[in-house]
């Protein structure tokens, strides 16, 4: 018979190109706005962020309880469009703490009356300046610069020198401390 029939139907296929913008490197706590940069073939109608928000571009404060075992934070976004299609994406936020360490010019166990010099770098591992704040109570200290501290230990006991610091480029905070044990010098006794 050779009869043929053709039928065609147009089918619309929708998709979502999911993308987000999150900070790459932070210290905690850190306040930021997460940005949805996604594009869809139809209207995106729902956002579900792993931080619990359903807003498109939520403000969020990252805290230590969000850290993974790798000491980073994984941010995920699941999107739904008007056709009911879903797409997800994720980005890793690296978390760090600025570091500087107290360096002691001498021993940690000393006799009373000894002056020790403490130093610390005033530049973080990212190259930002650190605002150093030494706490050496109850002793008087001579500060030659923010990164050099001299303390005269004239009383016996165990003392802790604290160094708190803030990174200028990020406002990230950090601290370090060192214990110093001060003993009375021996008293020489002579008998005749």
C-alpha atoms as a PDB file:
ATOM      1  CA  UNK A   1       0.000   0.000   0.000  1.00  0.00           C
ATOM      2  CA  UNK A   2       2.931   2.418   0.625  1.00  0.00           C
ATOM      3  CA  UNK A   3       1.004   4.676   3.014  1.00  0.00           C
ATOM      4  CA  UNK A   4       3.063   6.827   5.324  1.00  0.00           C
ATOM      5  CA  UNK A   5       2.185   9.251   8.058  1.00  0.00           C
ATOM      6  CA  UNK A   6       4.354  11.652   9.963  1.00  0.00           C
ATOM      7  CA  UNK A   7       3.600  13.388  13.182  1.00  0.00           C
ATOM      8  CA  UNK A   8       5.791  15.784  15.092  1.00  0.00           C
ATOM      9  CA  UNK A   9       5.542  17.421  18.457  1.00  0.00           C
ATOM     10  CA  UNK A  10       7.740  20.063  20.007  1.00  0.00           C
ATOM     11  CA  UNK A  11       9.011  19.226  23.465  1.00  0.00           C
ATOM     12  CA  UNK A  12      10.466  21.975  25.600  1.00  0.00           C
ATOM     13  CA  UNK A  13      13.420  20.871  27.720  1.00  0.00           C
ATOM     14  CA  UNK A  14      14.319  23.133  30.591  1.00  0.00           C
ATOM     15  CA  UNK A  15      17.534  23.247  32.525  1.00  0.00           C
ATOM     16  CA  UNK A  16      19.362  25.229  35.135  1.00  0.00           C
ATOM     17  CA  UNK A  17      23.006  26.287  34.964  1.00  0.00           C
ATOM     18  CA  UNK A  18      23.650  26.399  38.733  1.00  0.00           C
ATOM     19  CA  UNK A  19      26.402  28.646  40.091  1.00  0.00           C
ATOM     20  CA  UNK A  20      27.084  30.370  43.407  1.00  0.00           C
ATOM     21  CA  UNK A  21      29.583  32.895  44.729  1.00  0.00           C
ATOM     22  CA  UNK A  22      30.982  32.353  48.218  1.00  0.00           C
ATOM     23  CA  UNK A  23      34.108  33.748  49.885  1.00  0.00           C
ATOM     24  CA  UNK A  24      37.188  31.671  49.058  1.00  0.00           C
ATOM     25  CA  UNK A  25      39.128  32.233  52.288  1.00  0.00           C
ATOM     26  CA  UNK A  26      37.729  33.308  55.658  1.00  0.00           C
ATOM     27  CA  UNK A  27      38.405  33.267  59.363  1.00  0.00           C
ATOM     28  CA  UNK A  28      35.652  32.617  61.862  1.00  0.00           C
ATOM     29  CA  UNK A  29      33.261  34.084  62.636  1.00  0.00           C
ATOM     30  CA  UNK A  30      32.714  35.677  59.212  1.00  0.00           C
ATOM     31  CA  UNK A  31      29.660  37.580  57.976  1.00  0.00           C
ATOM     32  CA  UNK A  32      28.986  37.577  54.242  1.00  0.00           C
ATOM     33  CA  UNK A  33      26.291  37.436  51.593  1.00  0.00           C
ATOM     34  CA  UNK A  34      26.008  34.247  49.545  1.00  0.00           C
ATOM     35  CA  UNK A  35      25.143  34.927  45.910  1.00  0.00           C
ATOM     36  CA  UNK A  36      23.114  32.792  43.522  1.00  0.00           C
ATOM     37  CA  UNK A  37      24.563  33.318  40.030  1.00  0.00           C
ATOM     38  CA  UNK A  38      22.417  30.619  38.413  1.00  0.00           C
ATOM     39  CA  UNK A  39      20.619  30.942  35.107  1.00  0.00           C
ATOM     40  CA  UNK A  40      17.635  28.894  33.990  1.00  0.00           C
ATOM     41  CA  UNK A  41      15.640  28.369  30.813  1.00  0.00           C
ATOM     42  CA  UNK A  42      12.575  29.237  32.871  1.00  0.00           C
ATOM     43  CA  UNK A  43      12.028  31.071  36.134  1.00  0.00           C
ATOM     44  CA  UNK A  44      13.834  29.749  39.200  1.00  0.00           C
ATOM     45  CA  UNK A  45      11.234  29.608  41.972  1.00  0.00           C
ATOM     46  CA  UNK A  46      12.970  27.991  44.969  1.00  0.00           C
ATOM     47  CA  UNK A  47      16.375  28.094  46.642  1.00  0.00           C
ATOM     48  CA  UNK A  48      17.513  25.711  49.364  1.00  0.00           C
ATOM     49  CA  UNK A  49      20.939  26.505  50.852  1.00  0.00           C
ATOM     50  CA  UNK A  50      22.806  24.041  53.064  1.00  0.00           C
ATOM     51  CA  UNK A  51      22.976  26.813  55.681  1.00  0.00           C
ATOM     52  CA  UNK A  52      19.186  26.541  56.082  1.00  0.00           C
ATOM     53  CA  UNK A  53      18.127  29.618  54.110  1.00  0.00           C
ATOM     54  CA  UNK A  54      15.538  29.663  51.328  1.00  0.00           C
ATOM     55  CA  UNK A  55      16.411  33.195  50.169  1.00  0.00           C
ATOM     56  CA  UNK A  56      18.058  33.730  46.795  1.00  0.00           C
ATOM     57  CA  UNK A  57      21.023  35.722  48.185  1.00  0.00           C
ATOM     58  CA  UNK A  58      21.077  35.228  51.954  1.00  0.00           C
ATOM     59  CA  UNK A  59      23.246  37.020  54.480  1.00  0.00           C
ATOM     60  CA  UNK A  60      25.061  34.507  56.660  1.00  0.00           C
ATOM     61  CA  UNK A  61      27.549  34.342  59.510  1.00  0.00           C
ATOM     62  CA  UNK A  62      29.917  31.375  59.226  1.00  0.00           C
ATOM     63  CA  UNK A  63      30.826  29.896  62.625  1.00  0.00           C
ATOM     64  CA  UNK A  64      33.015  27.075  63.939  1.00  0.00           C
ATOM     65  CA  UNK A  65      30.083  24.656  64.267  1.00  0.00           C
ATOM     66  CA  UNK A  66      29.878  24.580  60.440  1.00  0.00           C
ATOM     67  CA  UNK A  67      33.432  23.269  59.999  1.00  0.00           C
ATOM     68  CA  UNK A  68      33.895  19.897  58.358  1.00  0.00           C
ATOM     69  CA  UNK A  69      36.548  17.393  59.374  1.00  0.00           C
ATOM     70  CA  UNK A  70      38.856  19.033  56.823  1.00  0.00           C
ATOM     71  CA  UNK A  71      38.492  22.382  58.659  1.00  0.00           C
ATOM     72  CA  UNK A  72      36.625  23.893  55.701  1.00  0.00           C
ATOM     73  CA  UNK A  73      32.959  24.684  55.041  1.00  0.00           C
ATOM     74  CA  UNK A  74      30.995  23.179  52.156  1.00  0.00           C
ATOM     75  CA  UNK A  75      28.182  25.463  50.910  1.00  0.00           C
ATOM     76  CA  UNK A  76      25.510  23.805  48.768  1.00  0.00           C
ATOM     77  CA  UNK A  77      22.532  25.240  46.883  1.00  0.00           C
ATOM     78  CA  UNK A  78      19.635  23.276  45.400  1.00  0.00           C
ATOM     79  CA  UNK A  79      17.457  25.171  42.910  1.00  0.00           C
ATOM     80  CA  UNK A  80      13.979  24.411  41.575  1.00  0.00           C
ATOM     81  CA  UNK A  81      12.541  26.049  38.449  1.00  0.00           C
ATOM     82  CA  UNK A  82       8.916  26.655  37.413  1.00  0.00           C
ATOM     83  CA  UNK A  83       8.872  23.357  35.491  1.00  0.00           C
ATOM     84  CA  UNK A  84       9.841  21.433  38.644  1.00  0.00           C
ATOM     85  CA  UNK A  85      13.401  20.735  37.503  1.00  0.00           C
ATOM     86  CA  UNK A  86      16.073  20.667  40.212  1.00  0.00           C
ATOM     87  CA  UNK A  87      19.798  21.329  40.018  1.00  0.00           C
ATOM     88  CA  UNK A  88      22.438  21.559  42.735  1.00  0.00           C
ATOM     89  CA  UNK A  89      25.873  23.076  43.046  1.00  0.00           C
ATOM     90  CA  UNK A  90      28.415  23.475  45.823  1.00  0.00           C
ATOM     91  CA  UNK A  91      31.552  25.443  46.671  1.00  0.00           C
ATOM     92  CA  UNK A  92      34.175  24.930  49.357  1.00  0.00           C
ATOM     93  CA  UNK A  93      35.046  27.825  51.654  1.00  0.00           C
ATOM     94  CA  UNK A  94      38.572  27.563  53.067  1.00  0.00           C
ATOM     95  CA  UNK A  95      38.902  28.576  56.721  1.00  0.00           C
ATOM     96  CA  UNK A  96      42.119  29.787  58.271  1.00  0.00           C
ATOM     97  CA  UNK A  97      43.428  31.624  61.308  1.00  0.00           C
ATOM     98  CA  UNK A  98      46.240  34.147  61.044  1.00  0.00           C
ATOM     99  CA  UNK A  99      49.338  32.963  62.885  1.00  0.00           C
ATOM    100  CA  UNK A 100      52.257  34.477  64.621  1.00  0.00           C
ATOM    101  CA  UNK A 101      54.222  32.874  67.414  1.00  0.00           C
ATOM    102  CA  UNK A 102      55.965  34.262  70.454  1.00  0.00           C
ATOM    103  CA  UNK A 103      59.702  33.694  70.190  1.00  0.00           C
ATOM    104  CA  UNK A 104      61.684  33.846  73.437  1.00  0.00           C
ATOM    105  CA  UNK A 105      65.282  35.046  73.606  1.00  0.00           C
ATOM    106  CA  UNK A 106      66.291  32.899  76.576  1.00  0.00           C
ATOM    107  CA  UNK A 107      64.973  30.084  78.758  1.00  0.00           C
ATOM    108  CA  UNK A 108      61.466  29.571  80.086  1.00  0.00           C
ATOM    109  CA  UNK A 109      62.842  28.859  83.578  1.00  0.00           C
ATOM    110  CA  UNK A 110      64.814  31.784  84.966  1.00  0.00           C
ATOM    111  CA  UNK A 111      65.989  33.343  88.220  1.00  0.00           C
ATOM    112  CA  UNK A 112      64.244  36.488  89.454  1.00  0.00           C
ATOM    113  CA  UNK A 113      65.889  39.691  88.301  1.00  0.00           C
ATOM    114  CA  UNK A 114      66.348  38.484  84.713  1.00  0.00           C
ATOM    115  CA  UNK A 115      65.014  40.450  81.757  1.00  0.00           C
ATOM    116  CA  UNK A 116      63.722  38.463  78.793  1.00  0.00           C
ATOM    117  CA  UNK A 117      62.991  39.638  75.274  1.00  0.00           C
ATOM    118  CA  UNK A 118      59.953  38.322  73.406  1.00  0.00           C
ATOM    119  CA  UNK A 119      59.397  38.815  69.691  1.00  0.00           C
ATOM    120  CA  UNK A 120      56.627  37.985  67.238  1.00  0.00           C
ATOM    121  CA  UNK A 121      56.222  38.635  63.541  1.00  0.00           C
ATOM    122  CA  UNK A 122      53.833  41.476  62.766  1.00  0.00           C
ATOM    123  CA  UNK A 123      53.023  40.037  59.308  1.00  0.00           C
ATOM    124  CA  UNK A 124      50.581  37.128  58.856  1.00  0.00           C
ATOM    125  CA  UNK A 125      51.097  34.127  56.588  1.00  0.00           C
ATOM    126  CA  UNK A 126      48.954  35.907  53.964  1.00  0.00           C
ATOM    127  CA  UNK A 127      51.183  38.993  54.087  1.00  0.00           C
ATOM    128  CA  UNK A 128      48.763  41.244  55.989  1.00  0.00           C
ATOM    129  CA  UNK A 129      49.944  43.427  58.877  1.00  0.00           C
ATOM    130  CA  UNK A 130      49.091  42.210  62.368  1.00  0.00           C
ATOM    131  CA  UNK A 131      48.116  44.589  65.153  1.00  0.00           C
ATOM    132  CA  UNK A 132      49.849  43.040  68.189  1.00  0.00           C
ATOM    133  CA  UNK A 133      48.577  43.446  71.762  1.00  0.00           C
ATOM    134  CA  UNK A 134      50.866  42.035  74.476  1.00  0.00           C
ATOM    135  CA  UNK A 135      49.515  41.197  77.954  1.00  0.00           C
ATOM    136  CA  UNK A 136      52.302  40.763  80.496  1.00  0.00           C
ATOM    137  CA  UNK A 137      50.559  41.708  83.772  1.00  0.00           C
ATOM    138  CA  UNK A 138      51.803  42.208  86.534  1.00  0.00           C
ATOM    139  CA  UNK A 139      55.191  43.206  85.097  1.00  0.00           C
ATOM    140  CA  UNK A 140      56.405  46.390  83.499  1.00  0.00           C
ATOM    141  CA  UNK A 141      57.550  45.964  79.916  1.00  0.00           C
ATOM    142  CA  UNK A 142      59.649  47.903  77.489  1.00  0.00           C
ATOM    143  CA  UNK A 143      58.221  47.744  73.997  1.00  0.00           C
ATOM    144  CA  UNK A 144      60.791  48.666  71.348  1.00  0.00           C
ATOM    145  CA  UNK A 145      58.188  48.086  68.648  1.00  0.00           C
ATOM    146  CA  UNK A 146      54.929  46.189  68.512  1.00  0.00           C
ATOM    147  CA  UNK A 147      56.854  43.045  67.622  1.00  0.00           C
ATOM    148  CA  UNK A 148      59.518  43.232  70.381  1.00  0.00           C
ATOM    149  CA  UNK A 149      58.784  43.146  74.103  1.00  0.00           C
ATOM    150  CA  UNK A 150      61.256  43.146  77.018  1.00  0.00           C
ATOM    151  CA  UNK A 151      60.074  42.152  80.498  1.00  0.00           C
ATOM    152  CA  UNK A 152      62.020  42.247  83.776  1.00  0.00           C
ATOM    153  CA  UNK A 153      60.909  39.335  85.965  1.00  0.00           C
ATOM    154  CA  UNK A 154      61.598  40.398  89.554  1.00  0.00           C
ATOM    155  CA  UNK A 155      59.162  38.124  91.429  1.00  0.00           C
ATOM    156  CA  UNK A 156      59.191  34.347  91.669  1.00  0.00           C
ATOM    157  CA  UNK A 157      56.218  32.427  90.290  1.00  0.00           C
ATOM    158  CA  UNK A 158      54.783  31.072  87.059  1.00  0.00           C
ATOM    159  CA  UNK A 159      53.651  33.762  84.622  1.00  0.00           C
ATOM    160  CA  UNK A 160      51.936  33.643  81.275  1.00  0.00           C
ATOM    161  CA  UNK A 161      52.721  36.180  78.564  1.00  0.00           C
ATOM    162  CA  UNK A 162      49.783  36.566  76.173  1.00  0.00           C
ATOM    163  CA  UNK A 163      49.835  37.937  72.653  1.00  0.00           C
ATOM    164  CA  UNK A 164      46.523  38.787  70.991  1.00  0.00           C
ATOM    165  CA  UNK A 165      46.511  40.002  67.418  1.00  0.00           C
ATOM    166  CA  UNK A 166      44.224  41.201  64.651  1.00  0.00           C
ATOM    167  CA  UNK A 167      44.979  40.892  60.956  1.00  0.00           C
ATOM    168  CA  UNK A 168      44.576  44.273  59.221  1.00  0.00           C
ATOM    169  CA  UNK A 169      43.358  42.936  55.864  1.00  0.00           C
ATOM    170  CA  UNK A 170      40.656  40.643  57.222  1.00  0.00           C
ATOM    171  CA  UNK A 171      39.993  41.630  60.878  1.00  0.00           C
ATOM    172  CA  UNK A 172      40.719  37.994  61.757  1.00  0.00           C
ATOM    173  CA  UNK A 173      41.823  37.406  65.341  1.00  0.00           C
ATOM    174  CA  UNK A 174      44.452  35.094  66.796  1.00  0.00           C
ATOM    175  CA  UNK A 175      46.464  34.579  69.955  1.00  0.00           C
ATOM    176  CA  UNK A 176      49.531  32.897  71.389  1.00  0.00           C
ATOM    177  CA  UNK A 177      50.960  32.528  74.888  1.00  0.00           C
ATOM    178  CA  UNK A 178      54.063  31.334  76.666  1.00  0.00           C
ATOM    179  CA  UNK A 179      54.685  30.375  80.304  1.00  0.00           C
ATOM    180  CA  UNK A 180      57.707  31.643  82.217  1.00  0.00           C
ATOM    181  CA  UNK A 181      58.773  30.107  85.539  1.00  0.00           C
ATOM    182  CA  UNK A 182      60.689  32.504  87.769  1.00  0.00           C
ATOM    183  CA  UNK A 183      62.595  31.051  90.730  1.00  0.00           C
ATOM    184  CA  UNK A 184      64.551  32.739  93.474  1.00  0.00           C
ATOM    185  CA  UNK A 185      68.287  32.420  92.995  1.00  0.00           C
ATOM    186  CA  UNK A 186      70.050  30.086  95.416  1.00  0.00           C
ATOM    187  CA  UNK A 187      71.469  31.615  98.562  1.00  0.00           C
ATOM    188  CA  UNK A 188      75.044  30.700  99.290  1.00  0.00           C
ATOM    189  CA  UNK A 189      75.657  29.729 102.904  1.00  0.00           C
ATOM    190  CA  UNK A 190      79.057  29.632 104.479  1.00  0.00           C
ATOM    191  CA  UNK A 191      79.871  28.039 107.763  1.00  0.00           C
ATOM    192  CA  UNK A 192      83.068  28.388 109.651  1.00  0.00           C
END
